[in-house]
């Protein structure tokens, strides 16, 4: 009797092991790394996660006040605000992302960062983009043009965004065959309803609209 019970227990255990070995492993999520300044840090990645749903993992690597330029400054000339000087940047390169959204350049339009420094911005922006292209995970890289700015707060300049920052971003992306999302046009056409009171950062509706545009592009490129 004892031998029979032992045999049955062993048989059931063997079946359990066999089932565990045959059960398919859960699919790894598709990781999206969102790179940028306060427009990113302010929360659109959370809305992007909601827009994408299951099977996706959105990571927010935005840092307030940061620039694409390595030696970028605050509007008063103070600080060392290059995005590449942050721990967040280092962590983003270790994220094993399958896709990267880069939206940084608004702070580079500040007077201290832009006037007479147009080529420096282009050079440093290109170097930043190339770092993500070179990630071991070989991610899809999306360049989002810096959004329309309704205000000149902190010496951020819509004219410089439109005539210096956006053209350089577009040129870098096109030279590398990368996808471009024209968030500048998106913000300009919808400024009255999606910009917060400071005229630069998106409100809740703006963050959701950003998320919808990025989600559509990611799904298109993932096919």
N, C-alpha and C. Protein backbone atom coordinates (compact mmCIF):
# COMPACT_ATOMS: atom_id res chain seq x y z
N UNK A 1 0.83 -1.20 0.00
CA UNK A 1 0.00 0.00 0.00
C UNK A 1 0.87 1.27 0.00
N UNK A 2 1.89 1.24 0.89
CA UNK A 2 2.79 2.39 0.98
C UNK A 2 3.52 2.60 -0.34
N UNK A 3 3.92 1.47 -0.98
CA UNK A 3 4.63 1.57 -2.25
C UNK A 3 3.72 2.18 -3.32
N UNK A 4 2.42 1.82 -3.29
CA UNK A 4 1.46 2.34 -4.27
C UNK A 4 1.29 3.85 -4.10
N UNK A 5 1.15 4.30 -2.85
CA UNK A 5 0.98 5.73 -2.57
C UNK A 5 2.23 6.51 -3.01
N UNK A 6 3.39 5.94 -2.70
CA UNK A 6 4.64 6.59 -3.08
C UNK A 6 4.75 6.70 -4.60
N UNK A 7 4.33 5.63 -5.28
CA UNK A 7 4.38 5.64 -6.74
C UNK A 7 3.48 6.74 -7.31
N UNK A 8 2.26 6.86 -6.74
CA UNK A 8 1.31 7.86 -7.22
C UNK A 8 1.82 9.28 -6.98
N UNK A 9 2.43 9.49 -5.82
CA UNK A 9 2.98 10.81 -5.50
C UNK A 9 4.10 11.17 -6.47
N UNK A 10 4.97 10.19 -6.73
CA UNK A 10 6.08 10.44 -7.67
C UNK A 10 5.57 10.72 -9.07
N UNK A 11 4.51 10.00 -9.49
CA UNK A 11 3.94 10.19 -10.81
C UNK A 11 3.34 11.58 -10.95
N UNK A 12 2.62 12.02 -9.91
CA UNK A 12 2.01 13.36 -9.93
C UNK A 12 3.08 14.45 -9.95
N UNK A 13 4.14 14.24 -9.19
CA UNK A 13 5.24 15.21 -9.14
C UNK A 13 5.91 15.33 -10.51
N UNK A 14 6.09 14.17 -11.16
CA UNK A 14 6.72 14.16 -12.48
C UNK A 14 5.85 14.90 -13.49
N UNK A 15 4.52 14.72 -13.38
CA UNK A 15 3.62 15.42 -14.29
C UNK A 15 3.69 16.93 -14.07
N UNK A 16 3.79 17.33 -12.79
CA UNK A 16 3.87 18.76 -12.45
C UNK A 16 5.13 19.38 -13.04
N UNK A 17 6.26 18.66 -12.91
CA UNK A 17 7.53 19.15 -13.45
C UNK A 17 7.45 19.28 -14.96
N UNK A 18 6.83 18.28 -15.59
CA UNK A 18 6.71 18.29 -17.05
C UNK A 18 5.87 19.47 -17.51
N UNK A 19 4.75 19.73 -16.78
CA UNK A 19 3.87 20.85 -17.13
C UNK A 19 4.60 22.18 -16.97
N UNK A 20 5.38 22.31 -15.89
CA UNK A 20 6.11 23.55 -15.63
C UNK A 20 7.14 23.81 -16.73
N UNK A 21 7.76 22.74 -17.23
CA UNK A 21 8.77 22.90 -18.27
C UNK A 21 8.13 23.28 -19.61
N UNK A 22 6.90 22.77 -19.84
CA UNK A 22 6.24 23.00 -21.11
C UNK A 22 5.49 24.32 -21.15
N UNK A 23 5.13 24.88 -19.97
CA UNK A 23 4.35 26.11 -19.93
C UNK A 23 5.15 27.25 -20.55
N UNK A 24 4.54 28.01 -21.47
CA UNK A 24 5.27 29.10 -22.13
C UNK A 24 5.63 30.20 -21.14
N UNK A 25 6.83 30.75 -21.30
CA UNK A 25 7.26 31.84 -20.43
C UNK A 25 6.48 33.11 -20.77
N UNK A 26 6.22 33.93 -19.76
CA UNK A 26 5.51 35.17 -19.99
C UNK A 26 6.34 36.07 -20.89
N UNK A 27 5.67 36.70 -21.87
CA UNK A 27 6.37 37.56 -22.81
C UNK A 27 6.98 38.77 -22.10
N UNK A 28 8.18 39.13 -22.48
CA UNK A 28 8.83 40.30 -21.90
C UNK A 28 8.13 41.56 -22.41
N UNK A 29 7.94 42.55 -21.56
CA UNK A 29 7.30 43.78 -22.03
C UNK A 29 8.19 44.54 -23.00
N UNK A 30 7.58 45.31 -23.87
CA UNK A 30 8.29 46.17 -24.81
C UNK A 30 8.59 47.46 -24.07
N UNK A 31 9.87 47.72 -23.83
CA UNK A 31 10.27 48.84 -22.96
C UNK A 31 10.46 50.12 -23.78
N UNK A 32 9.83 51.20 -23.30
CA UNK A 32 9.94 52.51 -23.94
C UNK A 32 10.60 53.47 -22.97
N UNK A 33 11.73 54.05 -23.37
CA UNK A 33 12.43 55.03 -22.53
C UNK A 33 12.13 56.43 -23.04
N UNK A 34 11.61 57.29 -22.17
CA UNK A 34 11.27 58.66 -22.54
C UNK A 34 12.35 59.61 -22.03
N UNK A 35 13.07 60.24 -22.94
CA UNK A 35 14.20 61.10 -22.63
C UNK A 35 13.79 62.55 -22.81
N UNK A 36 14.14 63.42 -21.85
CA UNK A 36 13.80 64.82 -22.05
C UNK A 36 13.98 65.69 -20.83
N UNK A 37 13.39 66.87 -20.92
CA UNK A 37 13.46 67.86 -19.86
C UNK A 37 12.18 67.83 -19.03
N UNK A 38 11.76 68.98 -18.50
CA UNK A 38 10.58 69.01 -17.63
C UNK A 38 9.28 68.67 -18.36
N UNK A 39 9.23 68.85 -19.67
CA UNK A 39 8.03 68.50 -20.42
C UNK A 39 7.81 66.99 -20.36
N UNK A 40 8.91 66.24 -20.32
CA UNK A 40 8.84 64.79 -20.15
C UNK A 40 8.67 64.42 -18.68
N UNK A 41 9.50 65.03 -17.83
CA UNK A 41 9.45 64.72 -16.39
C UNK A 41 8.07 65.01 -15.81
N UNK A 42 7.37 65.98 -16.42
CA UNK A 42 6.07 66.39 -15.90
C UNK A 42 4.96 65.38 -16.01
N UNK A 43 5.18 64.28 -16.72
CA UNK A 43 4.18 63.23 -16.61
C UNK A 43 3.59 62.59 -17.83
N UNK A 44 3.92 63.03 -19.09
CA UNK A 44 3.28 62.37 -20.22
C UNK A 44 3.60 60.87 -20.30
N UNK A 45 4.78 60.40 -19.82
CA UNK A 45 5.03 58.95 -19.87
C UNK A 45 3.98 58.12 -19.13
N UNK A 46 3.42 58.67 -18.07
CA UNK A 46 2.37 57.95 -17.34
C UNK A 46 1.14 57.80 -18.23
N UNK A 47 0.81 58.85 -18.97
CA UNK A 47 -0.32 58.78 -19.90
C UNK A 47 0.00 57.85 -21.07
N UNK A 48 1.27 57.82 -21.47
CA UNK A 48 1.68 56.93 -22.55
C UNK A 48 1.52 55.48 -22.13
N UNK A 49 1.87 55.18 -20.89
CA UNK A 49 1.68 53.81 -20.39
C UNK A 49 0.21 53.41 -20.47
N UNK A 50 -0.66 54.33 -20.07
CA UNK A 50 -2.10 54.05 -20.11
C UNK A 50 -2.58 53.87 -21.56
N UNK A 51 -2.04 54.67 -22.47
CA UNK A 51 -2.45 54.58 -23.87
C UNK A 51 -1.98 53.28 -24.53
N UNK A 52 -0.81 52.79 -24.13
CA UNK A 52 -0.25 51.58 -24.73
C UNK A 52 -0.82 50.31 -24.11
N UNK A 53 -1.04 50.33 -22.80
CA UNK A 53 -1.63 49.17 -22.13
C UNK A 53 -0.67 48.04 -21.84
N UNK A 54 -1.24 46.84 -21.68
CA UNK A 54 -0.45 45.66 -21.34
C UNK A 54 0.56 45.33 -22.43
N UNK A 55 1.69 44.75 -21.99
CA UNK A 55 2.72 44.36 -22.95
C UNK A 55 3.74 45.44 -23.21
N UNK A 56 3.52 46.59 -22.60
CA UNK A 56 4.45 47.72 -22.74
C UNK A 56 4.89 48.18 -21.35
N UNK A 57 6.10 48.69 -21.27
CA UNK A 57 6.61 49.26 -20.02
C UNK A 57 7.26 50.60 -20.34
N UNK A 58 6.65 51.68 -19.87
CA UNK A 58 7.15 53.03 -20.17
C UNK A 58 7.95 53.56 -18.99
N UNK A 59 9.15 54.02 -19.27
CA UNK A 59 10.04 54.54 -18.24
C UNK A 59 10.28 56.03 -18.46
N UNK A 60 10.13 56.82 -17.39
CA UNK A 60 10.29 58.27 -17.48
C UNK A 60 11.71 58.67 -17.08
N UNK A 61 12.48 59.14 -18.06
CA UNK A 61 13.84 59.60 -17.80
C UNK A 61 13.97 61.11 -18.04
N UNK A 62 12.89 61.84 -17.78
CA UNK A 62 12.92 63.28 -17.92
C UNK A 62 13.54 63.94 -16.70
N UNK A 63 14.26 65.04 -16.91
CA UNK A 63 14.88 65.80 -15.81
C UNK A 63 14.63 67.29 -16.04
N UNK A 64 14.10 67.95 -15.05
CA UNK A 64 13.79 69.37 -15.16
C UNK A 64 15.00 70.22 -15.55
N UNK A 65 14.75 71.21 -16.40
CA UNK A 65 15.72 72.26 -16.76
C UNK A 65 16.91 71.79 -17.59
N UNK A 66 16.95 70.55 -17.98
CA UNK A 66 18.15 70.03 -18.66
C UNK A 66 18.19 70.39 -20.13
N UNK A 67 19.42 70.39 -20.64
CA UNK A 67 19.67 70.75 -22.04
C UNK A 67 20.33 69.60 -22.78
N UNK A 68 20.19 69.63 -24.10
CA UNK A 68 20.93 68.68 -24.94
C UNK A 68 22.40 69.06 -24.96
N UNK A 69 22.68 70.35 -24.83
CA UNK A 69 24.07 70.80 -24.79
C UNK A 69 24.74 70.33 -23.51
N UNK A 70 25.93 69.84 -23.64
CA UNK A 70 26.65 69.30 -22.49
C UNK A 70 26.87 70.37 -21.42
N UNK A 71 27.15 71.59 -21.85
CA UNK A 71 27.44 72.65 -20.88
C UNK A 71 26.31 73.68 -20.81
N UNK A 72 25.07 73.23 -20.98
CA UNK A 72 23.93 74.12 -20.92
C UNK A 72 23.77 74.78 -19.55
N UNK A 73 23.17 75.99 -19.56
CA UNK A 73 23.00 76.77 -18.34
C UNK A 73 21.53 77.09 -18.11
N UNK A 74 21.24 77.56 -16.90
CA UNK A 74 19.94 78.14 -16.62
C UNK A 74 19.90 79.51 -17.28
N UNK A 75 18.72 80.14 -17.33
CA UNK A 75 18.59 81.41 -18.05
C UNK A 75 19.50 82.51 -17.49
N UNK A 76 19.86 82.39 -16.21
CA UNK A 76 20.72 83.40 -15.58
C UNK A 76 22.21 83.07 -15.71
N UNK A 77 22.52 82.05 -16.49
CA UNK A 77 23.91 81.68 -16.72
C UNK A 77 24.50 80.76 -15.68
N UNK A 78 23.69 80.34 -14.72
CA UNK A 78 24.20 79.49 -13.65
C UNK A 78 23.91 78.02 -13.93
N UNK A 79 24.65 77.16 -13.23
CA UNK A 79 24.38 75.73 -13.28
C UNK A 79 25.11 74.99 -14.38
N UNK A 80 25.21 73.70 -14.20
CA UNK A 80 25.74 72.78 -15.21
C UNK A 80 24.60 71.83 -15.53
N UNK A 81 23.84 72.17 -16.56
CA UNK A 81 22.55 71.52 -16.77
C UNK A 81 22.48 70.60 -17.98
N UNK A 82 23.61 70.15 -18.47
CA UNK A 82 23.60 69.17 -19.55
C UNK A 82 22.94 67.87 -19.11
N UNK A 83 22.02 67.37 -19.91
CA UNK A 83 21.32 66.12 -19.58
C UNK A 83 22.31 64.98 -19.36
N UNK A 84 23.38 64.96 -20.13
CA UNK A 84 24.34 63.86 -20.04
C UNK A 84 25.12 63.86 -18.73
N UNK A 85 24.97 64.90 -17.94
CA UNK A 85 25.67 64.97 -16.66
C UNK A 85 24.84 64.42 -15.51
N UNK A 86 23.68 63.87 -15.82
CA UNK A 86 22.78 63.36 -14.78
C UNK A 86 22.88 61.84 -14.62
N UNK A 87 22.56 61.37 -13.44
CA UNK A 87 22.48 59.93 -13.18
C UNK A 87 21.31 59.33 -13.96
N UNK A 88 20.28 60.13 -14.16
CA UNK A 88 19.12 59.66 -14.92
C UNK A 88 19.54 59.27 -16.34
N UNK A 89 20.40 60.08 -16.93
CA UNK A 89 20.92 59.76 -18.27
C UNK A 89 21.66 58.42 -18.26
N UNK A 90 22.53 58.24 -17.29
CA UNK A 90 23.28 56.98 -17.18
C UNK A 90 22.33 55.80 -17.05
N UNK A 91 21.30 55.96 -16.23
CA UNK A 91 20.33 54.88 -16.03
C UNK A 91 19.53 54.60 -17.30
N UNK A 92 19.26 55.65 -18.07
CA UNK A 92 18.49 55.45 -19.31
C UNK A 92 19.26 54.58 -20.30
N UNK A 93 20.58 54.71 -20.31
CA UNK A 93 21.39 53.91 -21.23
C UNK A 93 21.47 52.45 -20.79
N UNK A 94 21.13 52.20 -19.53
CA UNK A 94 21.14 50.83 -19.00
C UNK A 94 19.74 50.21 -18.99
N UNK A 95 18.77 50.90 -19.55
CA UNK A 95 17.37 50.50 -19.43
C UNK A 95 16.98 49.31 -20.32
N UNK A 96 17.83 48.93 -21.27
CA UNK A 96 17.53 47.86 -22.23
C UNK A 96 16.26 48.17 -23.01
N UNK A 97 16.07 49.46 -23.29
CA UNK A 97 14.86 49.91 -23.97
C UNK A 97 14.75 49.34 -25.39
N UNK A 98 13.52 49.03 -25.78
CA UNK A 98 13.23 48.61 -27.15
C UNK A 98 12.91 49.80 -28.03
N UNK A 99 12.54 50.90 -27.40
CA UNK A 99 12.25 52.15 -28.12
C UNK A 99 12.64 53.32 -27.23
N UNK A 100 13.10 54.39 -27.85
CA UNK A 100 13.51 55.59 -27.12
C UNK A 100 12.85 56.80 -27.78
N UNK A 101 12.19 57.61 -26.97
CA UNK A 101 11.62 58.88 -27.45
C UNK A 101 12.49 60.00 -26.90
N UNK A 102 13.09 60.79 -27.78
CA UNK A 102 13.95 61.89 -27.36
C UNK A 102 13.26 63.22 -27.65
N UNK A 103 12.94 63.96 -26.61
CA UNK A 103 12.30 65.27 -26.77
C UNK A 103 13.01 66.25 -25.82
N UNK A 104 14.08 66.83 -26.30
CA UNK A 104 14.87 67.76 -25.49
C UNK A 104 15.43 68.86 -26.39
N UNK A 105 15.37 70.09 -25.91
CA UNK A 105 15.83 71.22 -26.70
C UNK A 105 15.18 72.53 -26.31
N UNK A 106 14.08 72.46 -25.59
CA UNK A 106 13.39 73.69 -25.18
C UNK A 106 14.31 74.60 -24.37
N UNK A 107 15.02 74.03 -23.41
CA UNK A 107 15.93 74.85 -22.59
C UNK A 107 17.15 75.32 -23.36
N UNK A 108 17.45 74.63 -24.46
CA UNK A 108 18.55 75.06 -25.31
C UNK A 108 18.21 76.33 -26.08
N UNK A 109 16.91 76.68 -26.10
CA UNK A 109 16.51 77.91 -26.80
C UNK A 109 16.68 79.15 -25.94
N UNK A 110 17.01 78.98 -24.66
CA UNK A 110 17.23 80.14 -23.79
C UNK A 110 18.38 80.97 -24.35
N UNK A 111 18.30 82.27 -24.14
CA UNK A 111 19.29 83.19 -24.70
C UNK A 111 20.72 82.75 -24.42
N UNK A 112 21.01 82.39 -23.18
CA UNK A 112 22.37 82.03 -22.80
C UNK A 112 22.86 80.75 -23.48
N UNK A 113 21.92 79.91 -23.89
CA UNK A 113 22.28 78.62 -24.49
C UNK A 113 22.25 78.61 -26.02
N UNK A 114 21.60 79.62 -26.61
CA UNK A 114 21.35 79.53 -28.04
C UNK A 114 22.05 80.58 -28.89
N UNK A 115 22.05 81.81 -28.44
CA UNK A 115 22.62 82.87 -29.26
C UNK A 115 24.12 82.64 -29.47
N UNK A 116 24.50 82.46 -30.72
CA UNK A 116 25.89 82.20 -31.06
C UNK A 116 26.35 80.78 -30.80
N UNK A 117 25.41 79.90 -30.42
CA UNK A 117 25.78 78.52 -30.07
C UNK A 117 24.98 77.49 -30.90
N UNK A 118 24.51 77.92 -32.03
CA UNK A 118 23.66 77.05 -32.85
C UNK A 118 24.35 75.74 -33.23
N UNK A 119 25.59 75.82 -33.64
CA UNK A 119 26.32 74.62 -34.06
C UNK A 119 26.66 73.72 -32.87
N UNK A 120 26.86 74.33 -31.71
CA UNK A 120 27.13 73.54 -30.50
C UNK A 120 25.91 72.71 -30.15
N UNK A 121 24.72 73.33 -30.27
CA UNK A 121 23.50 72.57 -30.00
C UNK A 121 23.38 71.39 -30.94
N UNK A 122 23.55 71.64 -32.23
CA UNK A 122 23.41 70.56 -33.22
C UNK A 122 24.40 69.43 -32.94
N UNK A 123 25.64 69.80 -32.64
CA UNK A 123 26.68 68.80 -32.35
C UNK A 123 26.32 67.95 -31.14
N UNK A 124 25.92 68.60 -30.05
CA UNK A 124 25.64 67.87 -28.81
C UNK A 124 24.34 67.09 -28.90
N UNK A 125 23.36 67.62 -29.63
CA UNK A 125 22.11 66.88 -29.82
C UNK A 125 22.39 65.62 -30.62
N UNK A 126 23.19 65.74 -31.66
CA UNK A 126 23.55 64.58 -32.48
C UNK A 126 24.28 63.53 -31.65
N UNK A 127 25.20 63.97 -30.81
CA UNK A 127 25.95 63.03 -29.97
C UNK A 127 25.03 62.31 -29.00
N UNK A 128 24.04 63.02 -28.46
CA UNK A 128 23.08 62.41 -27.54
C UNK A 128 22.25 61.35 -28.26
N UNK A 129 21.75 61.70 -29.43
CA UNK A 129 20.96 60.75 -30.22
C UNK A 129 21.78 59.50 -30.55
N UNK A 130 23.03 59.71 -30.92
CA UNK A 130 23.89 58.58 -31.28
C UNK A 130 24.13 57.62 -30.12
N UNK A 131 24.13 58.15 -28.91
CA UNK A 131 24.29 57.29 -27.73
C UNK A 131 23.14 56.29 -27.61
N UNK A 132 21.94 56.74 -27.93
CA UNK A 132 20.79 55.83 -27.84
C UNK A 132 20.72 54.88 -29.03
N UNK A 133 21.12 55.35 -30.18
CA UNK A 133 21.19 54.45 -31.34
C UNK A 133 22.15 53.30 -31.06
N UNK A 134 23.23 53.59 -30.32
CA UNK A 134 24.28 52.60 -30.06
C UNK A 134 23.99 51.67 -28.89
N UNK A 135 22.84 51.80 -28.25
CA UNK A 135 22.52 50.91 -27.12
C UNK A 135 22.52 49.45 -27.57
N UNK A 136 22.93 48.57 -26.69
CA UNK A 136 22.99 47.15 -27.02
C UNK A 136 21.62 46.58 -27.41
N UNK A 137 20.57 47.15 -26.85
CA UNK A 137 19.22 46.66 -27.15
C UNK A 137 18.74 47.07 -28.54
N UNK A 138 19.52 47.90 -29.24
CA UNK A 138 19.21 48.36 -30.60
C UNK A 138 17.76 48.87 -30.70
N UNK A 139 17.45 49.91 -29.95
CA UNK A 139 16.07 50.39 -29.90
C UNK A 139 15.63 51.16 -31.14
N UNK A 140 14.32 51.20 -31.32
CA UNK A 140 13.73 52.16 -32.24
C UNK A 140 13.95 53.53 -31.61
N UNK A 141 14.47 54.49 -32.35
CA UNK A 141 14.70 55.83 -31.80
C UNK A 141 13.79 56.82 -32.50
N UNK A 142 13.02 57.54 -31.71
CA UNK A 142 12.11 58.56 -32.22
C UNK A 142 12.59 59.93 -31.76
N UNK A 143 12.71 60.86 -32.68
CA UNK A 143 13.06 62.23 -32.33
C UNK A 143 11.79 63.08 -32.38
N UNK A 144 11.44 63.66 -31.25
CA UNK A 144 10.29 64.56 -31.16
C UNK A 144 10.80 66.00 -31.20
N UNK A 145 10.29 66.78 -32.12
CA UNK A 145 10.70 68.17 -32.20
C UNK A 145 10.25 68.92 -30.95
N UNK A 146 11.09 69.82 -30.46
CA UNK A 146 10.72 70.57 -29.26
C UNK A 146 9.41 71.32 -29.50
N UNK A 147 8.48 71.25 -28.55
CA UNK A 147 7.15 71.83 -28.75
C UNK A 147 7.13 73.36 -28.86
N UNK A 148 6.06 73.82 -29.44
CA UNK A 148 5.76 75.24 -29.53
C UNK A 148 5.70 75.84 -28.13
N UNK A 149 6.30 77.02 -27.96
CA UNK A 149 6.27 77.72 -26.68
C UNK A 149 5.48 79.03 -26.85
N UNK A 150 4.40 79.16 -26.12
CA UNK A 150 3.56 80.36 -26.21
C UNK A 150 4.16 81.51 -25.40
N UNK A 151 4.98 81.17 -24.42
CA UNK A 151 5.56 82.16 -23.52
C UNK A 151 7.08 82.26 -23.71
N UNK A 152 7.64 83.38 -23.28
CA UNK A 152 9.10 83.55 -23.31
C UNK A 152 9.68 83.47 -21.90
N UNK A 153 8.94 82.77 -21.02
CA UNK A 153 9.42 82.61 -19.65
C UNK A 153 10.78 81.95 -19.60
N UNK A 154 11.60 82.37 -18.65
CA UNK A 154 12.95 81.84 -18.47
C UNK A 154 13.82 82.09 -19.70
N UNK A 155 13.46 83.04 -20.53
CA UNK A 155 14.09 83.41 -21.80
C UNK A 155 13.98 82.32 -22.87
N UNK A 156 13.10 81.36 -22.64
CA UNK A 156 12.80 80.38 -23.70
C UNK A 156 12.21 81.15 -24.88
N UNK A 157 12.66 80.82 -26.07
CA UNK A 157 12.26 81.59 -27.25
C UNK A 157 11.59 80.71 -28.29
N UNK A 158 10.34 81.02 -28.60
CA UNK A 158 9.63 80.30 -29.65
C UNK A 158 10.30 80.51 -31.01
N UNK A 159 10.77 81.73 -31.26
CA UNK A 159 11.45 81.98 -32.53
C UNK A 159 12.69 81.11 -32.68
N UNK A 160 13.46 80.98 -31.61
CA UNK A 160 14.67 80.15 -31.69
C UNK A 160 14.33 78.66 -31.75
N UNK A 161 13.24 78.25 -31.08
CA UNK A 161 12.81 76.86 -31.19
C UNK A 161 12.47 76.55 -32.64
N UNK A 162 11.75 77.47 -33.28
CA UNK A 162 11.28 77.26 -34.65
C UNK A 162 12.38 77.36 -35.68
N UNK A 163 13.33 78.29 -35.48
CA UNK A 163 14.33 78.56 -36.53
C UNK A 163 15.69 77.91 -36.28
N UNK A 164 15.96 77.51 -35.04
CA UNK A 164 17.26 76.92 -34.72
C UNK A 164 17.12 75.49 -34.20
N UNK A 165 16.34 75.33 -33.14
CA UNK A 165 16.26 74.03 -32.45
C UNK A 165 15.58 72.97 -33.32
N UNK A 166 14.37 73.27 -33.79
CA UNK A 166 13.65 72.29 -34.60
C UNK A 166 14.38 71.89 -35.88
N UNK A 167 14.93 72.84 -36.66
CA UNK A 167 15.66 72.44 -37.86
C UNK A 167 16.86 71.54 -37.58
N UNK A 168 17.57 71.82 -36.48
CA UNK A 168 18.72 70.98 -36.13
C UNK A 168 18.24 69.58 -35.73
N UNK A 169 17.16 69.50 -34.95
CA UNK A 169 16.62 68.20 -34.54
C UNK A 169 16.19 67.39 -35.76
N UNK A 170 15.51 68.07 -36.66
CA UNK A 170 15.03 67.38 -37.88
C UNK A 170 16.21 66.91 -38.74
N UNK A 171 17.21 67.75 -38.88
CA UNK A 171 18.38 67.39 -39.69
C UNK A 171 19.10 66.17 -39.12
N UNK A 172 19.30 66.16 -37.81
CA UNK A 172 19.97 65.03 -37.17
C UNK A 172 19.17 63.74 -37.37
N UNK A 173 17.86 63.83 -37.18
CA UNK A 173 17.01 62.66 -37.34
C UNK A 173 17.01 62.15 -38.78
N UNK A 174 16.88 63.05 -39.73
CA UNK A 174 16.83 62.65 -41.15
C UNK A 174 18.15 62.04 -41.60
N UNK A 175 19.27 62.59 -41.13
CA UNK A 175 20.58 62.05 -41.50
C UNK A 175 20.74 60.60 -41.04
N UNK A 176 20.05 60.25 -39.95
CA UNK A 176 20.17 58.91 -39.38
C UNK A 176 18.98 58.01 -39.71
N UNK A 177 18.07 58.52 -40.48
CA UNK A 177 16.91 57.74 -40.88
C UNK A 177 15.96 57.42 -39.74
N UNK A 178 15.84 58.34 -38.79
CA UNK A 178 15.01 58.11 -37.62
C UNK A 178 13.60 58.68 -37.80
N UNK A 179 12.67 58.11 -37.06
CA UNK A 179 11.30 58.61 -37.08
C UNK A 179 11.25 59.98 -36.39
N UNK A 180 10.40 60.86 -36.91
CA UNK A 180 10.23 62.21 -36.36
C UNK A 180 8.77 62.41 -36.00
N UNK A 181 8.53 62.96 -34.80
CA UNK A 181 7.18 63.35 -34.41
C UNK A 181 7.18 64.86 -34.24
N UNK A 182 6.33 65.55 -35.00
CA UNK A 182 6.31 67.01 -34.98
C UNK A 182 5.43 67.51 -33.83
N UNK A 183 5.97 67.45 -32.63
CA UNK A 183 5.23 67.93 -31.46
C UNK A 183 5.14 69.45 -31.45
N UNK A 184 6.02 70.12 -32.20
CA UNK A 184 5.92 71.59 -32.29
C UNK A 184 4.61 71.99 -32.97
N UNK A 185 4.33 71.36 -34.08
CA UNK A 185 3.09 71.65 -34.80
C UNK A 185 1.88 71.26 -33.96
N UNK A 186 1.98 70.13 -33.29
CA UNK A 186 0.89 69.64 -32.44
C UNK A 186 0.55 70.67 -31.36
N UNK A 187 1.57 71.22 -30.70
CA UNK A 187 1.35 72.20 -29.64
C UNK A 187 0.85 73.53 -30.21
N UNK A 188 1.41 73.92 -31.34
CA UNK A 188 1.03 75.21 -31.93
C UNK A 188 -0.45 75.21 -32.34
N UNK A 189 -0.88 74.12 -32.94
CA UNK A 189 -2.26 74.03 -33.42
C UNK A 189 -3.27 73.89 -32.29
N UNK A 190 -2.82 73.41 -31.13
CA UNK A 190 -3.74 73.15 -30.02
C UNK A 190 -3.38 73.94 -28.75
N UNK A 191 -2.57 75.00 -28.92
CA UNK A 191 -2.03 75.73 -27.77
C UNK A 191 -3.09 76.18 -26.78
N UNK A 192 -4.20 76.66 -27.27
CA UNK A 192 -5.23 77.23 -26.40
C UNK A 192 -5.78 76.22 -25.40
N UNK A 193 -5.77 74.96 -25.77
CA UNK A 193 -6.39 73.97 -24.88
C UNK A 193 -5.41 73.01 -24.22
N UNK A 194 -4.15 72.96 -24.68
CA UNK A 194 -3.25 71.94 -24.11
C UNK A 194 -2.05 72.51 -23.36
N UNK A 195 -1.85 73.84 -23.40
CA UNK A 195 -0.73 74.42 -22.65
C UNK A 195 -1.19 74.90 -21.28
N UNK A 196 -0.32 74.70 -20.30
CA UNK A 196 -0.64 75.15 -18.94
C UNK A 196 -0.48 76.67 -18.86
N UNK A 197 -0.68 77.23 -17.69
CA UNK A 197 -0.63 78.68 -17.53
C UNK A 197 0.71 79.30 -17.83
N UNK A 198 1.80 78.54 -17.76
CA UNK A 198 3.12 79.13 -18.04
C UNK A 198 3.41 79.21 -19.53
N UNK A 199 2.53 78.67 -20.36
CA UNK A 199 2.68 78.78 -21.81
C UNK A 199 3.75 77.89 -22.41
N UNK A 200 4.32 76.98 -21.62
CA UNK A 200 5.40 76.12 -22.10
C UNK A 200 5.10 74.64 -21.85
N UNK A 201 4.67 74.33 -20.65
CA UNK A 201 4.41 72.93 -20.29
C UNK A 201 2.97 72.53 -20.62
N UNK A 202 2.76 71.28 -21.02
CA UNK A 202 1.41 70.83 -21.32
C UNK A 202 0.59 70.63 -20.04
N UNK A 203 -0.71 70.86 -20.15
CA UNK A 203 -1.61 70.54 -19.05
C UNK A 203 -2.02 69.08 -19.16
N UNK A 204 -2.99 68.66 -18.38
CA UNK A 204 -3.41 67.25 -18.41
C UNK A 204 -3.86 66.82 -19.79
N UNK A 205 -4.64 67.66 -20.45
CA UNK A 205 -5.11 67.32 -21.79
C UNK A 205 -3.94 67.25 -22.77
N UNK A 206 -2.97 68.15 -22.58
CA UNK A 206 -1.79 68.14 -23.44
C UNK A 206 -0.95 66.89 -23.28
N UNK A 207 -0.81 66.44 -22.04
CA UNK A 207 -0.04 65.21 -21.80
C UNK A 207 -0.72 64.01 -22.43
N UNK A 208 -2.05 63.98 -22.37
CA UNK A 208 -2.78 62.87 -22.98
C UNK A 208 -2.65 62.90 -24.49
N UNK A 209 -2.66 64.10 -25.07
CA UNK A 209 -2.52 64.22 -26.51
C UNK A 209 -1.13 63.78 -26.96
N UNK A 210 -0.11 64.20 -26.20
CA UNK A 210 1.25 63.73 -26.48
C UNK A 210 1.32 62.21 -26.45
N UNK A 211 0.73 61.65 -25.41
CA UNK A 211 0.74 60.19 -25.24
C UNK A 211 0.07 59.49 -26.41
N UNK A 212 -1.04 60.01 -26.88
CA UNK A 212 -1.76 59.40 -27.99
C UNK A 212 -0.92 59.42 -29.28
N UNK A 213 -0.25 60.56 -29.52
CA UNK A 213 0.58 60.68 -30.72
C UNK A 213 1.77 59.73 -30.66
N UNK A 214 2.41 59.67 -29.49
CA UNK A 214 3.56 58.79 -29.35
C UNK A 214 3.14 57.31 -29.40
N UNK A 215 2.00 57.00 -28.80
CA UNK A 215 1.53 55.62 -28.80
C UNK A 215 1.26 55.15 -30.24
N UNK A 216 0.64 56.01 -31.02
CA UNK A 216 0.34 55.66 -32.43
C UNK A 216 1.63 55.42 -33.20
N UNK A 217 2.62 56.27 -33.00
CA UNK A 217 3.90 56.13 -33.71
C UNK A 217 4.63 54.85 -33.27
N UNK A 218 4.63 54.57 -31.97
CA UNK A 218 5.30 53.36 -31.47
C UNK A 218 4.65 52.10 -32.04
N UNK A 219 3.33 52.06 -32.06
CA UNK A 219 2.64 50.88 -32.59
C UNK A 219 2.91 50.72 -34.08
N UNK A 220 3.00 51.83 -34.78
CA UNK A 220 3.31 51.78 -36.21
C UNK A 220 4.71 51.23 -36.46
N UNK A 221 5.68 51.69 -35.66
CA UNK A 221 7.06 51.30 -35.87
C UNK A 221 7.37 49.89 -35.35
N UNK A 222 6.57 49.43 -34.41
CA UNK A 222 6.83 48.11 -33.83
C UNK A 222 6.41 46.98 -34.76
N UNK A 223 5.53 47.25 -35.70
CA UNK A 223 5.01 46.19 -36.60
C UNK A 223 6.14 45.53 -37.39
